[in-house]
Amino acid sequence: MKRRPALVPLSHDHHHALVEARRLRQAAATPESTAAATAFLGFFADETVRHFREEEEQLFPCILEFEEARELLVRALLEHQRLHALAARLERLVDNGGEVDVTMGELGRLLESHVRLEERELFPLIERLVEELPQLEASRRDEPELRLD
């Protein structure tokens, strides 16, 4: 699906999130489940939290005035909160040596469905409603890293 340039970095993030969600679900109920949960928590802290913040602070305010966007916007925001809560639960389970498999599956499924919601419904709606999208911080992430060594 062709995206406007301002949304491309977020769509790239979504692709990575789908990969991580699949890994999380597949690792549940395996001997590597705790290691996979720990790896996912690193991804969530390093990538997903920043991604949510960019959407919530820079992108979503562009559609607040549009009544037809409100239901999807509220759903996306509530899912962000639910994903944060599930990641926090998973972190507690990992830290306390608890059973992680059920939470891993739930988190992986919700993350996948959330990405699909944004890519298939919310982003197309944003592209239709908003003529000029803000240049998001995420776009700088795709630039090659400057190395001085």
Protein backbone atom coordinates (compact mmCIF):
# COMPACT_ATOMS: atom_id res chain seq x y z
CA MET A 1 0.00 0.00 0.00
CA LYS A 2 1.43 3.37 -1.03
CA ARG A 3 1.74 5.80 1.88
CA ARG A 4 2.32 9.50 1.93
CA PRO A 5 5.97 10.22 2.75
CA ALA A 6 5.17 11.56 6.23
CA LEU A 7 3.62 8.21 7.22
CA VAL A 8 6.23 5.92 5.69
CA PRO A 9 8.47 5.79 8.80
CA LEU A 10 5.48 4.86 10.96
CA SER A 11 4.46 2.17 8.47
CA HIS A 12 8.00 0.80 8.60
CA ASP A 13 7.68 0.69 12.39
CA HIS A 14 4.43 -1.23 11.93
CA HIS A 15 6.17 -3.83 9.80
CA HIS A 16 8.79 -4.34 12.51
CA ALA A 17 6.05 -4.57 15.14
CA LEU A 18 4.29 -7.31 13.15
CA VAL A 19 7.53 -9.30 13.01
CA GLU A 20 8.03 -8.90 16.76
CA ALA A 21 4.41 -9.79 17.52
CA ARG A 22 4.76 -12.99 15.52
CA ARG A 23 8.01 -13.90 17.28
CA LEU A 24 6.38 -13.28 20.64
CA ARG A 25 3.37 -15.48 19.86
CA GLN A 26 5.49 -18.28 18.39
CA ALA A 27 7.87 -18.33 21.35
CA ALA A 28 5.07 -18.70 23.91
CA ALA A 29 4.99 -22.17 25.44
CA THR A 30 8.53 -22.96 24.29
CA PRO A 31 11.64 -23.34 26.43
CA GLU A 32 12.80 -19.96 25.07
CA SER A 33 9.66 -18.06 26.14
CA THR A 34 11.31 -16.01 28.90
CA ALA A 35 14.22 -15.03 26.64
CA ALA A 36 11.80 -14.09 23.86
CA ALA A 37 9.71 -12.08 26.32
CA THR A 38 12.82 -10.23 27.48
CA ALA A 39 13.83 -9.49 23.88
CA PHE A 40 10.34 -8.21 23.10
CA LEU A 41 10.36 -5.96 26.15
CA GLY A 42 13.57 -4.40 24.85
CA PHE A 43 11.93 -3.78 21.48
CA PHE A 44 8.85 -2.34 23.17
CA ALA A 45 10.87 0.05 25.33
CA ASP A 46 13.25 1.10 22.56
CA GLU A 47 10.89 1.30 19.60
CA THR A 48 7.21 0.98 20.43
CA VAL A 49 7.03 3.56 23.21
CA ARG A 50 8.66 6.16 20.93
CA HIS A 51 6.37 5.16 18.06
CA PHE A 52 3.23 5.57 20.19
CA ARG A 53 4.45 8.96 21.40
CA GLU A 54 4.99 10.18 17.84
CA GLU A 55 1.51 9.07 16.82
CA GLU A 56 -0.15 10.51 19.93
CA GLU A 57 1.68 13.83 20.00
CA GLN A 58 2.23 14.59 16.32
CA LEU A 59 -0.14 12.60 14.11
CA PHE A 60 -3.37 12.02 16.00
CA PRO A 61 -3.93 15.72 16.84
CA CYS A 62 -4.30 16.33 13.07
CA ILE A 63 -7.62 14.48 13.05
CA LEU A 64 -9.15 15.53 16.37
CA GLU A 65 -11.55 17.94 14.66
CA PHE A 66 -12.98 15.29 12.32
CA GLU A 67 -16.01 13.54 13.78
CA GLU A 68 -15.64 10.56 11.42
CA ALA A 69 -12.16 9.88 12.83
CA ARG A 70 -13.06 9.92 16.51
CA GLU A 71 -14.12 6.29 16.92
CA LEU A 72 -10.94 4.95 15.29
CA LEU A 73 -8.81 7.46 17.14
CA VAL A 74 -10.27 6.50 20.52
CA ARG A 75 -9.83 2.81 19.71
CA ALA A 76 -6.18 3.33 18.71
CA LEU A 77 -5.45 5.31 21.87
CA LEU A 78 -7.13 2.73 24.09
CA GLU A 79 -5.14 -0.02 22.40
CA HIS A 80 -1.92 1.94 23.04
CA GLN A 81 -2.83 1.96 26.73
CA ARG A 82 -3.73 -1.72 26.71
CA LEU A 83 -0.42 -2.59 25.02
CA HIS A 84 1.47 -0.57 27.64
CA ALA A 85 -0.40 -2.43 30.40
CA LEU A 86 0.30 -5.85 28.86
CA ALA A 87 3.99 -5.02 28.41
CA ALA A 88 4.16 -3.93 32.05
CA ARG A 89 2.48 -7.19 33.12
CA LEU A 90 4.92 -9.19 30.99
CA GLU A 91 7.85 -7.34 32.53
CA ARG A 92 6.60 -8.11 36.05
CA LEU A 93 6.20 -11.78 35.14
CA VAL A 94 9.71 -11.95 33.70
CA ASP A 95 11.18 -10.15 36.73
CA ASN A 96 9.38 -12.44 39.18
CA GLY A 97 9.93 -15.69 37.28
CA GLY A 98 6.22 -16.03 36.54
CA GLU A 99 4.46 -17.85 33.73
CA VAL A 100 4.77 -15.58 30.67
CA ASP A 101 3.12 -17.63 27.92
CA VAL A 102 -0.49 -16.42 28.18
CA THR A 103 0.53 -12.77 28.39
CA MET A 104 2.94 -13.20 25.47
CA GLY A 105 0.14 -14.58 23.30
CA GLU A 106 -2.30 -11.86 24.32
CA LEU A 107 0.26 -9.12 23.75
CA GLY A 108 1.31 -10.51 20.37
CA ARG A 109 -2.28 -10.81 19.17
CA LEU A 110 -3.23 -7.31 20.32
CA LEU A 111 -0.13 -5.75 18.78
CA GLU A 112 -0.86 -7.43 15.45
CA SER A 113 -4.51 -6.39 15.40
CA HIS A 114 -3.54 -2.86 16.44
CA VAL A 115 -1.08 -2.52 13.56
CA ARG A 116 -3.73 -3.81 11.16
CA LEU A 117 -6.24 -1.25 12.50
CA GLU A 118 -3.84 1.62 11.94
CA GLU A 119 -2.58 0.47 8.54
CA ARG A 120 -5.92 -0.60 7.07
CA GLU A 121 -8.30 1.92 8.62
CA LEU A 122 -6.76 4.81 10.54
CA PHE A 123 -3.88 5.78 8.25
CA PRO A 124 -6.02 5.71 5.08
CA LEU A 125 -8.57 7.88 6.87
CA ILE A 126 -5.87 10.31 7.97
CA GLU A 127 -4.54 10.49 4.43
CA ARG A 128 -8.01 11.24 3.14
CA LEU A 129 -8.89 13.87 5.75
CA VAL A 130 -5.62 15.74 6.25
CA GLU A 131 -4.18 17.59 3.31
CA GLU A 132 -0.78 18.34 4.81
CA LEU A 133 0.67 15.95 7.36
CA PRO A 134 3.37 17.04 9.79
CA GLN A 135 6.93 15.91 9.23
CA LEU A 136 7.27 13.32 11.98
CA GLU A 137 10.33 12.77 14.12
CA ALA A 138 10.36 9.18 12.91
CA SER A 139 11.55 10.29 9.48
CA ARG A 140 14.98 11.16 10.91
CA ARG A 141 15.39 7.60 12.09
CA ASP A 142 15.52 6.33 8.52
CA GLU A 143 18.52 8.47 7.63
CA PRO A 144 21.90 6.73 7.57
CA GLU A 145 23.78 7.05 10.80
CA LEU A 146 26.73 9.42 10.71
CA ARG A 147 29.91 7.64 11.81
CA LEU A 148 32.93 9.60 12.88
CA ASP A 149 35.39 6.81 13.60
